C-alpha atoms as a PDB file:
ATOM      1  CA  MET A   1      75.266 114.355 130.554  1.00  0.00           C
ATOM      2  CA  THR A   2      77.641 116.652 128.673  1.00  0.00           C
ATOM      3  CA  ILE A   3      81.356 116.835 129.366  1.00  0.00           C
ATOM      4  CA  ASN A   4      80.922 120.321 130.841  1.00  0.00           C
ATOM      5  CA  GLU A   5      78.069 119.206 133.129  1.00  0.00           C
ATOM      6  CA  ILE A   6      80.279 116.402 134.440  1.00  0.00           C
ATOM      7  CA  GLN A   7      83.162 118.824 134.982  1.00  0.00           C
ATOM      8  CA  ASP A   8      80.887 121.235 136.859  1.00  0.00           C
ATOM      9  CA  GLY A   9      79.835 118.369 139.157  1.00  0.00           C
ATOM     10  CA  ILE A  10      83.489 117.557 139.879  1.00  0.00           C
ATOM     11  CA  ILE A  11      84.219 121.218 140.627  1.00  0.00           C
ATOM     12  CA  ASP A  12      81.287 121.265 143.071  1.00  0.00           C
ATOM     13  CA  GLU A  13      82.422 118.018 144.721  1.00  0.00           C
ATOM     14  CA  PHE A  14      86.006 119.208 145.202  1.00  0.00           C
ATOM     15  CA  GLY A  15      84.729 122.632 146.271  1.00  0.00           C
ATOM     16  CA  MET A  16      83.247 121.061 149.399  1.00  0.00           C
ATOM     17  CA  PHE A  17      86.789 120.698 150.770  1.00  0.00           C
ATOM     18  CA  ASP A  18      89.156 123.523 151.715  1.00  0.00           C
ATOM     19  CA  ASP A  19      92.098 121.361 152.734  1.00  0.00           C
ATOM     20  CA  TRP A  20      94.129 119.664 150.013  1.00  0.00           C
ATOM     21  CA  MET A  21      94.650 116.602 152.215  1.00  0.00           C
ATOM     22  CA  ASP A  22      90.868 116.068 151.995  1.00  0.00           C
ATOM     23  CA  LYS A  23      90.986 116.534 148.217  1.00  0.00           C
ATOM     24  CA  TYR A  24      93.817 113.988 147.956  1.00  0.00           C
ATOM     25  CA  GLN A  25      91.692 111.588 150.005  1.00  0.00           C
ATOM     26  CA  LEU A  26      88.796 112.158 147.593  1.00  0.00           C
ATOM     27  CA  LEU A  27      91.134 111.330 144.681  1.00  0.00           C
ATOM     28  CA  ILE A  28      92.285 108.155 146.430  1.00  0.00           C
ATOM     29  CA  ASP A  29      88.670 107.155 147.128  1.00  0.00           C
ATOM     30  CA  LEU A  30      87.745 107.728 143.478  1.00  0.00           C
ATOM     31  CA  GLY A  31      90.646 105.543 142.397  1.00  0.00           C
ATOM     32  CA  ASN A  32      89.729 102.805 144.868  1.00  0.00           C
ATOM     33  CA  ASN A  33      86.125 102.813 143.623  1.00  0.00           C
ATOM     34  CA  GLN A  34      87.146 102.524 139.984  1.00  0.00           C
ATOM     35  CA  GLN A  35      86.491  99.188 138.338  1.00  0.00           C
ATOM     36  CA  ALA A  36      89.685  97.162 137.918  1.00  0.00           C
ATOM     37  CA  LEU A  37      91.159  96.938 134.445  1.00  0.00           C
ATOM     38  CA  PRO A  38      90.979  93.381 133.098  1.00  0.00           C
ATOM     39  CA  GLU A  39      94.392  91.703 133.133  1.00  0.00           C
ATOM     40  CA  GLU A  40      94.445  91.257 129.352  1.00  0.00           C
ATOM     41  CA  TYR A  41      94.684  95.057 128.956  1.00  0.00           C
ATOM     42  CA  LYS A  42      97.602  95.432 131.373  1.00  0.00           C
ATOM     43  CA  LYS A  43     100.192  95.151 128.641  1.00  0.00           C
ATOM     44  CA  GLU A  44     103.054  97.285 127.395  1.00  0.00           C
ATOM     45  CA  ASP A  45     101.032  98.694 124.473  1.00  0.00           C
ATOM     46  CA  ASN A  46      98.520 100.219 126.891  1.00  0.00           C
ATOM     47  CA  LEU A  47     101.061 101.902 129.196  1.00  0.00           C
ATOM     48  CA  ILE A  48     100.983 105.688 128.978  1.00  0.00           C
ATOM     49  CA  LYS A  49     104.394 107.105 128.162  1.00  0.00           C
ATOM     50  CA  GLY A  50     105.417 110.091 130.252  1.00  0.00           C
ATOM     51  CA  CYS A  51     103.917 108.966 133.541  1.00  0.00           C
ATOM     52  CA  GLN A  52     106.141 108.364 136.545  1.00  0.00           C
ATOM     53  CA  SER A  53     103.739 105.671 137.738  1.00  0.00           C
ATOM     54  CA  ARG A  54     102.503 102.865 135.589  1.00  0.00           C
ATOM     55  CA  VAL A  55      99.162 103.764 134.008  1.00  0.00           C
ATOM     56  CA  TRP A  56      97.414 101.418 131.617  1.00  0.00           C
ATOM     57  CA  LEU A  57      94.732 102.926 129.389  1.00  0.00           C
ATOM     58  CA  HIS A  58      92.473 100.906 127.128  1.00  0.00           C
ATOM     59  CA  ALA A  59      89.766 102.307 124.867  1.00  0.00           C
ATOM     60  CA  HIS A  60      87.124 100.811 122.663  1.00  0.00           C
ATOM     61  CA  TYR A  61      84.457 102.256 120.407  1.00  0.00           C
ATOM     62  CA  LYS A  62      80.810 101.402 120.958  1.00  0.00           C
ATOM     63  CA  ASP A  63      77.686 102.972 119.484  1.00  0.00           C
ATOM     64  CA  GLY A  64      79.592 106.077 118.347  1.00  0.00           C
ATOM     65  CA  ASN A  65      81.217 106.674 121.727  1.00  0.00           C
ATOM     66  CA  VAL A  66      84.698 106.058 123.097  1.00  0.00           C
ATOM     67  CA  ILE A  67      84.759 103.967 126.271  1.00  0.00           C
ATOM     68  CA  PHE A  68      87.874 104.222 128.431  1.00  0.00           C
ATOM     69  CA  GLU A  69      89.163 101.823 131.067  1.00  0.00           C
ATOM     70  CA  ALA A  70      92.353 102.343 133.047  1.00  0.00           C
ATOM     71  CA  GLU A  71      94.367 101.401 136.066  1.00  0.00           C
ATOM     72  CA  SER A  72      97.465 102.646 137.838  1.00  0.00           C
ATOM     73  CA  ASP A  73      99.805 101.251 140.452  1.00  0.00           C
ATOM     74  CA  ALA A  74      99.762 104.588 142.347  1.00  0.00           C
ATOM     75  CA  LEU A  75      96.737 105.619 144.431  1.00  0.00           C
ATOM     76  CA  ILE A  76      96.569 109.327 143.574  1.00  0.00           C
ATOM     77  CA  VAL A  77      97.304 108.677 139.900  1.00  0.00           C
ATOM     78  CA  LYS A  78      94.557 106.060 139.849  1.00  0.00           C
ATOM     79  CA  GLY A  79      92.216 108.759 141.180  1.00  0.00           C
ATOM     80  CA  ILE A  80      93.341 111.211 138.503  1.00  0.00           C
ATOM     81  CA  ILE A  81      92.770 108.755 135.649  1.00  0.00           C
ATOM     82  CA  SER A  82      89.433 107.862 137.252  1.00  0.00           C
ATOM     83  CA  LEU A  83      88.426 111.543 137.071  1.00  0.00           C
ATOM     84  CA  LEU A  84      89.483 111.759 133.418  1.00  0.00           C
ATOM     85  CA  ILE A  85      87.515 108.619 132.582  1.00  0.00           C
ATOM     86  CA  HIS A  86      84.471 110.019 134.382  1.00  0.00           C
ATOM     87  CA  VAL A  87      84.677 113.188 132.267  1.00  0.00           C
ATOM     88  CA  LEU A  88      85.622 111.781 128.846  1.00  0.00           C
ATOM     89  CA  SER A  89      84.363 108.196 128.644  1.00  0.00           C
ATOM     90  CA  ASN A  90      81.140 107.455 126.787  1.00  0.00           C
ATOM     91  CA  HIS A  91      81.355 110.538 124.580  1.00  0.00           C
ATOM     92  CA  THR A  92      81.886 110.872 120.850  1.00  0.00           C
ATOM     93  CA  PRO A  93      85.379 111.382 119.448  1.00  0.00           C
ATOM     94  CA  ASP A  94      84.427 114.946 118.431  1.00  0.00           C
ATOM     95  CA  GLU A  95      83.209 115.772 121.940  1.00  0.00           C
ATOM     96  CA  ILE A  96      86.444 114.436 123.436  1.00  0.00           C
ATOM     97  CA  LEU A  97      88.657 116.241 120.928  1.00  0.00           C
ATOM     98  CA  SER A  98      86.909 119.580 121.450  1.00  0.00           C
ATOM     99  CA  ALA A  99      86.667 119.269 125.248  1.00  0.00           C
ATOM    100  CA  ASP A 100      88.217 122.053 127.305  1.00  0.00           C
ATOM    101  CA  LEU A 101      89.153 120.268 130.522  1.00  0.00           C
ATOM    102  CA  TYR A 102      88.756 123.355 132.696  1.00  0.00           C
ATOM    103  CA  PHE A 103      88.003 121.343 135.830  1.00  0.00           C
ATOM    104  CA  ILE A 104      91.724 120.515 136.179  1.00  0.00           C
ATOM    105  CA  ASP A 105      92.616 124.154 136.830  1.00  0.00           C
ATOM    106  CA  GLN A 106      89.423 125.027 138.678  1.00  0.00           C
ATOM    107  CA  ILE A 107      89.891 122.365 141.350  1.00  0.00           C
ATOM    108  CA  GLY A 108      93.590 123.287 141.615  1.00  0.00           C
ATOM    109  CA  LEU A 109      94.760 119.839 140.605  1.00  0.00           C
ATOM    110  CA  LYS A 110      97.706 120.818 138.437  1.00  0.00           C
ATOM    111  CA  GLU A 111      99.168 123.222 140.992  1.00  0.00           C
ATOM    112  CA  HIS A 112      98.986 120.591 143.757  1.00  0.00           C
ATOM    113  CA  LEU A 113     100.754 117.858 141.825  1.00  0.00           C
ATOM    114  CA  SER A 114     104.479 117.304 141.647  1.00  0.00           C
ATOM    115  CA  PRO A 115     106.010 118.275 138.275  1.00  0.00           C
ATOM    116  CA  THR A 116     106.330 114.608 137.265  1.00  0.00           C
ATOM    117  CA  ARG A 117     102.686 113.872 138.170  1.00  0.00           C
ATOM    118  CA  SER A 118     101.636 117.027 136.338  1.00  0.00           C
ATOM    119  CA  ASN A 119     103.489 115.788 133.244  1.00  0.00           C
ATOM    120  CA  GLY A 120     101.734 112.443 133.695  1.00  0.00           C
ATOM    121  CA  LEU A 121      98.350 114.173 133.770  1.00  0.00           C
ATOM    122  CA  VAL A 122      99.158 115.890 130.467  1.00  0.00           C
ATOM    123  CA  ALA A 123     100.263 112.530 129.016  1.00  0.00           C
ATOM    124  CA  MET A 124      97.000 110.883 130.116  1.00  0.00           C
ATOM    125  CA  VAL A 125      94.861 113.586 128.493  1.00  0.00           C
ATOM    126  CA  LYS A 126      96.986 113.444 125.343  1.00  0.00           C
ATOM    127  CA  GLN A 127      96.610 109.650 125.075  1.00  0.00           C
ATOM    128  CA  MET A 128      92.839 109.845 125.564  1.00  0.00           C
ATOM    129  CA  LYS A 129      92.580 112.441 122.810  1.00  0.00           C
ATOM    130  CA  MET A 130      94.804 110.292 120.567  1.00  0.00           C
ATOM    131  CA  TYR A 131      92.390 107.381 121.004  1.00  0.00           C
ATOM    132  CA  ALA A 132      89.475 109.696 120.132  1.00  0.00           C
ATOM    133  CA  MET A 133      91.334 110.881 117.032  1.00  0.00           C
ATOM    134  CA  ALA A 134      92.053 107.305 115.942  1.00  0.00           C
ATOM    135  CA  PHE A 135      88.423 106.213 116.429  1.00  0.00           C
ATOM    136  CA  LYS A 136      87.190 109.290 114.544  1.00  0.00           C
ATOM    137  CA  ALA A 137      89.496 108.540 111.601  1.00  0.00           C
ATOM    138  CA  ALA A 138      88.562 104.850 111.556  1.00  0.00           C
ATOM    139  CA  ASN A 139      84.824 105.509 111.619  1.00  0.00           C
ATOM    140  CA  GLN A 140      84.364 108.296 109.113  1.00  0.00           C
END
């Protein structure tokens, strides 16, 4: 599945709800269903700078694709990083670097987050793209 096909599926899923309380619940459910990050990756080096909550992000490179794993100590933030992993994980560095993450605006996520959570979202995307850039450089 392409990054855009995944984003379109997320837009459809969030589009089923009119009330933002339901959308927040969907985010929380996504976070709760996310596989836990192994303890060995919950270290200072993997913390995303710029997030109000603690968010650990680990990436590895396998068969030409970047695989992301993450966890957060905040329920909604865990749902947000879960969405980003769903969209970007298991794609090539080039696909990740060129991705236009339009689903964020289309589901209204940014406008319904506090300014600090919104900054955290930007930091998460930036860190994921930095990993993709590093893997691309290392594997050329």
